């Protein structure tokens, strides 16, 4: 394709291989090799060839020349597609960043919930153990008479806190699941 384009554009200008070689400061055999497809010019030489032939490197390499309205529209569509692809890439990066942030938040919330549940459960188990020991101990001051025994504790088991903690646990599990990478 490149070889045919160089040959056709050179002939369009009305130059022989020798004349073209002089303009490019190369030997005629180099032009012949390019036109036969036996070798290809380097990038700097492609630019010089395009300048001498009054065309673009893209046309030399086989891209269609923009000569009609439809080609110009195709170029505009390609530019718009490139811009949309760039915007989609930026949106995807932003969405991924937001997903990671939310995932970190849900994981931190889950860890907090685990510690809270552990703390509350340990307190409840301690309370139950003390109550069982009190029922089994007959040396309680004032005597032991079962139903009238009084136990004073500064620790309470808050059912509302437990329910709220469990709801937050469910929320964090759902959040971690929903923010996983798909």
C-alpha atoms as a PDB file:
ATOM      1  CA  UNK A   1       0.000   0.000   0.000  1.00  0.00           C
ATOM      2  CA  UNK A   2       2.761   2.475   0.947  1.00  0.00           C
ATOM      3  CA  UNK A   3       4.728   1.503  -2.154  1.00  0.00           C
ATOM      4  CA  UNK A   4       1.724   2.069  -4.435  1.00  0.00           C
ATOM      5  CA  UNK A   5       0.917   5.398  -2.806  1.00  0.00           C
ATOM      6  CA  UNK A   6       4.475   6.716  -3.212  1.00  0.00           C
ATOM      7  CA  UNK A   7       4.546   5.619  -6.876  1.00  0.00           C
ATOM      8  CA  UNK A   8       1.097   7.037  -7.702  1.00  0.00           C
ATOM      9  CA  UNK A   9       1.697  10.382  -5.986  1.00  0.00           C
ATOM     10  CA  UNK A  10       5.143  10.716  -7.591  1.00  0.00           C
ATOM     11  CA  UNK A  11       3.664  10.039 -11.032  1.00  0.00           C
ATOM     12  CA  UNK A  12       0.837  12.506 -10.338  1.00  0.00           C
ATOM     13  CA  UNK A  13       3.498  15.164  -9.786  1.00  0.00           C
ATOM     14  CA  UNK A  14       5.125  14.101 -13.079  1.00  0.00           C
ATOM     15  CA  UNK A  15       8.484  13.292 -11.541  1.00  0.00           C
ATOM     16  CA  UNK A  16      10.783  10.464 -12.487  1.00  0.00           C
ATOM     17  CA  UNK A  17      12.380   8.325  -9.792  1.00  0.00           C
ATOM     18  CA  UNK A  18      15.635  10.210 -10.415  1.00  0.00           C
ATOM     19  CA  UNK A  19      14.008  13.651  -9.932  1.00  0.00           C
ATOM     20  CA  UNK A  20      12.229  12.519  -6.800  1.00  0.00           C
ATOM     21  CA  UNK A  21      15.458  11.017  -5.414  1.00  0.00           C
ATOM     22  CA  UNK A  22      17.261  14.348  -5.927  1.00  0.00           C
ATOM     23  CA  UNK A  23      14.496  16.218  -4.044  1.00  0.00           C
ATOM     24  CA  UNK A  24      14.795  13.782  -1.116  1.00  0.00           C
ATOM     25  CA  UNK A  25      18.619  13.636  -1.301  1.00  0.00           C
ATOM     26  CA  UNK A  26      18.685   9.848  -1.773  1.00  0.00           C
ATOM     27  CA  UNK A  27      19.732   7.603  -4.650  1.00  0.00           C
ATOM     28  CA  UNK A  28      17.277   6.486  -7.350  1.00  0.00           C
ATOM     29  CA  UNK A  29      17.609   2.838  -6.260  1.00  0.00           C
ATOM     30  CA  UNK A  30      16.182   3.783  -2.827  1.00  0.00           C
ATOM     31  CA  UNK A  31      13.050   5.198  -4.519  1.00  0.00           C
ATOM     32  CA  UNK A  32      12.807   2.044  -6.617  1.00  0.00           C
ATOM     33  CA  UNK A  33      13.020  -0.198  -3.524  1.00  0.00           C
ATOM     34  CA  UNK A  34      10.276   1.823  -1.780  1.00  0.00           C
ATOM     35  CA  UNK A  35       7.984   1.611  -4.814  1.00  0.00           C
ATOM     36  CA  UNK A  36       8.582  -2.137  -5.198  1.00  0.00           C
ATOM     37  CA  UNK A  37       7.944  -2.727  -1.495  1.00  0.00           C
ATOM     38  CA  UNK A  38      11.425  -4.126  -0.891  1.00  0.00           C
ATOM     39  CA  UNK A  39      12.104  -1.585   1.840  1.00  0.00           C
ATOM     40  CA  UNK A  40      10.272   1.185   3.668  1.00  0.00           C
ATOM     41  CA  UNK A  41      11.413   4.677   4.600  1.00  0.00           C
ATOM     42  CA  UNK A  42      11.932   5.559   8.246  1.00  0.00           C
ATOM     43  CA  UNK A  43       9.587   7.969  10.043  1.00  0.00           C
ATOM     44  CA  UNK A  44      11.665  11.103   9.331  1.00  0.00           C
ATOM     45  CA  UNK A  45      11.870  10.215   5.653  1.00  0.00           C
ATOM     46  CA  UNK A  46       8.108   9.555   5.532  1.00  0.00           C
ATOM     47  CA  UNK A  47       7.540  13.098   6.751  1.00  0.00           C
ATOM     48  CA  UNK A  48       9.900  14.478   4.076  1.00  0.00           C
ATOM     49  CA  UNK A  49       8.225  12.384   1.361  1.00  0.00           C
ATOM     50  CA  UNK A  50       4.783  13.635   2.439  1.00  0.00           C
ATOM     51  CA  UNK A  51       5.998  17.250   2.337  1.00  0.00           C
ATOM     52  CA  UNK A  52       7.502  16.837  -1.151  1.00  0.00           C
ATOM     53  CA  UNK A  53       4.366  15.159  -2.476  1.00  0.00           C
ATOM     54  CA  UNK A  54       2.066  17.763  -0.805  1.00  0.00           C
ATOM     55  CA  UNK A  55       0.160  15.197   1.199  1.00  0.00           C
ATOM     56  CA  UNK A  56       0.061  13.761   4.696  1.00  0.00           C
ATOM     57  CA  UNK A  57       1.826  10.767   6.188  1.00  0.00           C
ATOM     58  CA  UNK A  58      -1.618   9.285   6.845  1.00  0.00           C
ATOM     59  CA  UNK A  59      -2.446   9.335   3.135  1.00  0.00           C
ATOM     60  CA  UNK A  60       0.936   7.760   2.328  1.00  0.00           C
ATOM     61  CA  UNK A  61       0.174   4.979   4.788  1.00  0.00           C
ATOM     62  CA  UNK A  62      -3.243   4.347   3.291  1.00  0.00           C
ATOM     63  CA  UNK A  63      -5.687   6.447   5.280  1.00  0.00           C
ATOM     64  CA  UNK A  64      -8.384   7.925   3.038  1.00  0.00           C
ATOM     65  CA  UNK A  65      -7.928  11.552   2.114  1.00  0.00           C
ATOM     66  CA  UNK A  66     -10.672  13.858   3.357  1.00  0.00           C
ATOM     67  CA  UNK A  67     -12.045  15.134   0.090  1.00  0.00           C
ATOM     68  CA  UNK A  68     -15.766  14.956   0.563  1.00  0.00           C
ATOM     69  CA  UNK A  69     -18.319  15.872   3.197  1.00  0.00           C
ATOM     70  CA  UNK A  70     -18.882  12.271   4.271  1.00  0.00           C
ATOM     71  CA  UNK A  71     -15.199  11.758   5.086  1.00  0.00           C
ATOM     72  CA  UNK A  72     -15.218  14.935   7.166  1.00  0.00           C
ATOM     73  CA  UNK A  73     -18.282  13.657   9.040  1.00  0.00           C
ATOM     74  CA  UNK A  74     -16.529  10.323   9.647  1.00  0.00           C
ATOM     75  CA  UNK A  75     -13.551  12.182  11.068  1.00  0.00           C
ATOM     76  CA  UNK A  76     -15.855  14.192  13.338  1.00  0.00           C
ATOM     77  CA  UNK A  77     -17.533  10.977  14.495  1.00  0.00           C
ATOM     78  CA  UNK A  78     -14.125   9.458  15.265  1.00  0.00           C
ATOM     79  CA  UNK A  79     -13.158  12.549  17.263  1.00  0.00           C
ATOM     80  CA  UNK A  80     -16.450  12.463  19.180  1.00  0.00           C
ATOM     81  CA  UNK A  81     -15.999   8.732  19.826  1.00  0.00           C
ATOM     82  CA  UNK A  82     -12.484   9.373  21.127  1.00  0.00           C
ATOM     83  CA  UNK A  83     -13.768  12.106  23.457  1.00  0.00           C
ATOM     84  CA  UNK A  84     -16.589   9.869  24.695  1.00  0.00           C
ATOM     85  CA  UNK A  85     -14.130   7.052  25.307  1.00  0.00           C
ATOM     86  CA  UNK A  86     -11.957   9.438  27.343  1.00  0.00           C
ATOM     87  CA  UNK A  87     -14.986  10.609  29.352  1.00  0.00           C
ATOM     88  CA  UNK A  88     -16.110   7.019  29.953  1.00  0.00           C
ATOM     89  CA  UNK A  89     -12.625   6.149  31.162  1.00  0.00           C
ATOM     90  CA  UNK A  90     -12.654   9.097  33.574  1.00  0.00           C
ATOM     91  CA  UNK A  91     -16.138   8.127  34.805  1.00  0.00           C
ATOM     92  CA  UNK A  92     -15.011   4.525  35.319  1.00  0.00           C
ATOM     93  CA  UNK A  93     -11.992   5.687  37.355  1.00  0.00           C
ATOM     94  CA  UNK A  94     -14.195   7.942  39.491  1.00  0.00           C
ATOM     95  CA  UNK A  95     -16.751   5.168  40.021  1.00  0.00           C
ATOM     96  CA  UNK A  96     -13.996   2.726  41.003  1.00  0.00           C
ATOM     97  CA  UNK A  97     -12.579   5.254  43.478  1.00  0.00           C
ATOM     98  CA  UNK A  98     -16.040   5.793  45.017  1.00  0.00           C
ATOM     99  CA  UNK A  99     -16.617   2.029  45.200  1.00  0.00           C
ATOM    100  CA  UNK A 100     -13.330   1.578  47.072  1.00  0.00           C
ATOM    101  CA  UNK A 101     -14.160   4.394  49.505  1.00  0.00           C
ATOM    102  CA  UNK A 102     -17.607   2.944  50.278  1.00  0.00           C
ATOM    103  CA  UNK A 103     -16.127  -0.533  50.676  1.00  0.00           C
ATOM    104  CA  UNK A 104     -13.586   0.798  53.192  1.00  0.00           C
ATOM    105  CA  UNK A 105     -16.393   2.562  55.073  1.00  0.00           C
ATOM    106  CA  UNK A 106     -18.500  -0.614  55.224  1.00  0.00           C
ATOM    107  CA  UNK A 107     -15.528  -2.721  56.324  1.00  0.00           C
ATOM    108  CA  UNK A 108     -14.674  -0.210  59.071  1.00  0.00           C
ATOM    109  CA  UNK A 109     -18.320  -0.223  60.150  1.00  0.00           C
ATOM    110  CA  UNK A 110     -18.279  -4.028  60.218  1.00  0.00           C
ATOM    111  CA  UNK A 111     -15.138  -4.086  62.364  1.00  0.00           C
ATOM    112  CA  UNK A 112     -16.710  -1.573  64.752  1.00  0.00           C
ATOM    113  CA  UNK A 113     -19.836  -3.719  64.962  1.00  0.00           C
ATOM    114  CA  UNK A 114     -17.776  -6.832  65.683  1.00  0.00           C
ATOM    115  CA  UNK A 115     -15.992  -5.104  68.544  1.00  0.00           C
ATOM    116  CA  UNK A 116     -19.277  -3.757  69.894  1.00  0.00           C
ATOM    117  CA  UNK A 117     -20.923  -7.187  69.722  1.00  0.00           C
ATOM    118  CA  UNK A 118     -17.912  -8.762  71.401  1.00  0.00           C
ATOM    119  CA  UNK A 119     -17.977  -6.169  74.170  1.00  0.00           C
ATOM    120  CA  UNK A 120     -21.736  -6.502  74.735  1.00  0.00           C
ATOM    121  CA  UNK A 121     -21.627 -10.302  74.594  1.00  0.00           C
ATOM    122  CA  UNK A 122     -18.730 -10.436  77.065  1.00  0.00           C
ATOM    123  CA  UNK A 123     -20.670  -8.166  79.428  1.00  0.00           C
ATOM    124  CA  UNK A 124     -23.796 -10.280  79.137  1.00  0.00           C
ATOM    125  CA  UNK A 125     -21.870 -13.514  79.721  1.00  0.00           C
ATOM    126  CA  UNK A 126     -20.175 -11.976  82.744  1.00  0.00           C
ATOM    127  CA  UNK A 127     -23.563 -10.886  84.100  1.00  0.00           C
ATOM    128  CA  UNK A 128     -25.023 -14.377  83.601  1.00  0.00           C
ATOM    129  CA  UNK A 129     -21.999 -16.005  85.288  1.00  0.00           C
ATOM    130  CA  UNK A 130     -22.278 -13.714  88.288  1.00  0.00           C
ATOM    131  CA  UNK A 131     -26.011 -14.399  88.575  1.00  0.00           C
ATOM    132  CA  UNK A 132     -25.427 -18.164  88.492  1.00  0.00           C
ATOM    133  CA  UNK A 133     -22.690 -17.870  91.122  1.00  0.00           C
ATOM    134  CA  UNK A 134     -24.984 -15.796  93.330  1.00  0.00           C
ATOM    135  CA  UNK A 135     -27.737 -18.407  93.122  1.00  0.00           C
ATOM    136  CA  UNK A 136     -25.291 -21.195  94.002  1.00  0.00           C
ATOM    137  CA  UNK A 137     -23.548 -19.332  96.851  1.00  0.00           C
ATOM    138  CA  UNK A 138     -25.153 -19.833 100.259  1.00  0.00           C
ATOM    139  CA  UNK A 139     -22.784 -17.483 102.034  1.00  0.00           C
ATOM    140  CA  UNK A 140     -24.324 -14.279 100.726  1.00  0.00           C
ATOM    141  CA  UNK A 141     -24.560 -11.612 103.396  1.00  0.00           C
ATOM    142  CA  UNK A 142     -28.001 -11.597 104.911  1.00  0.00           C
ATOM    143  CA  UNK A 143     -28.674 -15.227 104.082  1.00  0.00           C
ATOM    144  CA  UNK A 144     -29.842 -16.949 100.985  1.00  0.00           C
ATOM    145  CA  UNK A 145     -33.503 -17.164 100.283  1.00  0.00           C
ATOM    146  CA  UNK A 146     -33.581 -17.394  96.472  1.00  0.00           C
ATOM    147  CA  UNK A 147     -36.258 -15.101  95.108  1.00  0.00           C
ATOM    148  CA  UNK A 148     -35.507 -12.230  97.489  1.00  0.00           C
ATOM    149  CA  UNK A 149     -31.751 -12.131  96.849  1.00  0.00           C
ATOM    150  CA  UNK A 150     -30.597  -8.742  95.678  1.00  0.00           C
ATOM    151  CA  UNK A 151     -27.738  -8.285  93.273  1.00  0.00           C
ATOM    152  CA  UNK A 152     -26.459  -4.810  92.502  1.00  0.00           C
ATOM    153  CA  UNK A 153     -24.591  -4.300  89.265  1.00  0.00           C
ATOM    154  CA  UNK A 154     -23.336  -1.242  87.459  1.00  0.00           C
ATOM    155  CA  UNK A 155     -23.530  -3.147  84.204  1.00  0.00           C
ATOM    156  CA  UNK A 156     -26.705  -3.445  82.221  1.00  0.00           C
ATOM    157  CA  UNK A 157     -27.579  -5.319  79.100  1.00  0.00           C
ATOM    158  CA  UNK A 158     -29.244  -2.898  76.718  1.00  0.00           C
ATOM    159  CA  UNK A 159     -31.518  -4.711  74.255  1.00  0.00           C
ATOM    160  CA  UNK A 160     -31.984  -1.610  72.101  1.00  0.00           C
ATOM    161  CA  UNK A 161     -28.243  -1.255  71.634  1.00  0.00           C
ATOM    162  CA  UNK A 162     -28.002  -4.909  70.638  1.00  0.00           C
ATOM    163  CA  UNK A 163     -30.768  -4.577  68.037  1.00  0.00           C
ATOM    164  CA  UNK A 164     -29.163  -1.421  66.608  1.00  0.00           C
ATOM    165  CA  UNK A 165     -25.770  -3.140  66.496  1.00  0.00           C
ATOM    166  CA  UNK A 166     -27.237  -6.129  64.665  1.00  0.00           C
ATOM    167  CA  UNK A 167     -28.951  -3.836  62.144  1.00  0.00           C
ATOM    168  CA  UNK A 168     -25.668  -2.020  61.514  1.00  0.00           C
ATOM    169  CA  UNK A 169     -23.969  -5.411  61.137  1.00  0.00           C
ATOM    170  CA  UNK A 170     -26.482  -6.417  58.466  1.00  0.00           C
ATOM    171  CA  UNK A 171     -26.013  -3.029  56.754  1.00  0.00           C
ATOM    172  CA  UNK A 172     -22.233  -3.434  56.708  1.00  0.00           C
ATOM    173  CA  UNK A 173     -22.452  -6.990  55.338  1.00  0.00           C
ATOM    174  CA  UNK A 174     -24.827  -5.896  52.580  1.00  0.00           C
ATOM    175  CA  UNK A 175     -22.610  -2.873  51.849  1.00  0.00           C
ATOM    176  CA  UNK A 176     -19.468  -5.000  51.621  1.00  0.00           C
ATOM    177  CA  UNK A 177     -21.265  -7.424  49.314  1.00  0.00           C
ATOM    178  CA  UNK A 178     -22.680  -4.680  47.074  1.00  0.00           C
ATOM    179  CA  UNK A 179     -19.314  -2.884  46.743  1.00  0.00           C
ATOM    180  CA  UNK A 180     -17.349  -5.968  45.757  1.00  0.00           C
ATOM    181  CA  UNK A 181     -15.544  -5.915  42.412  1.00  0.00           C
ATOM    182  CA  UNK A 182     -17.663  -7.575  39.766  1.00  0.00           C
END
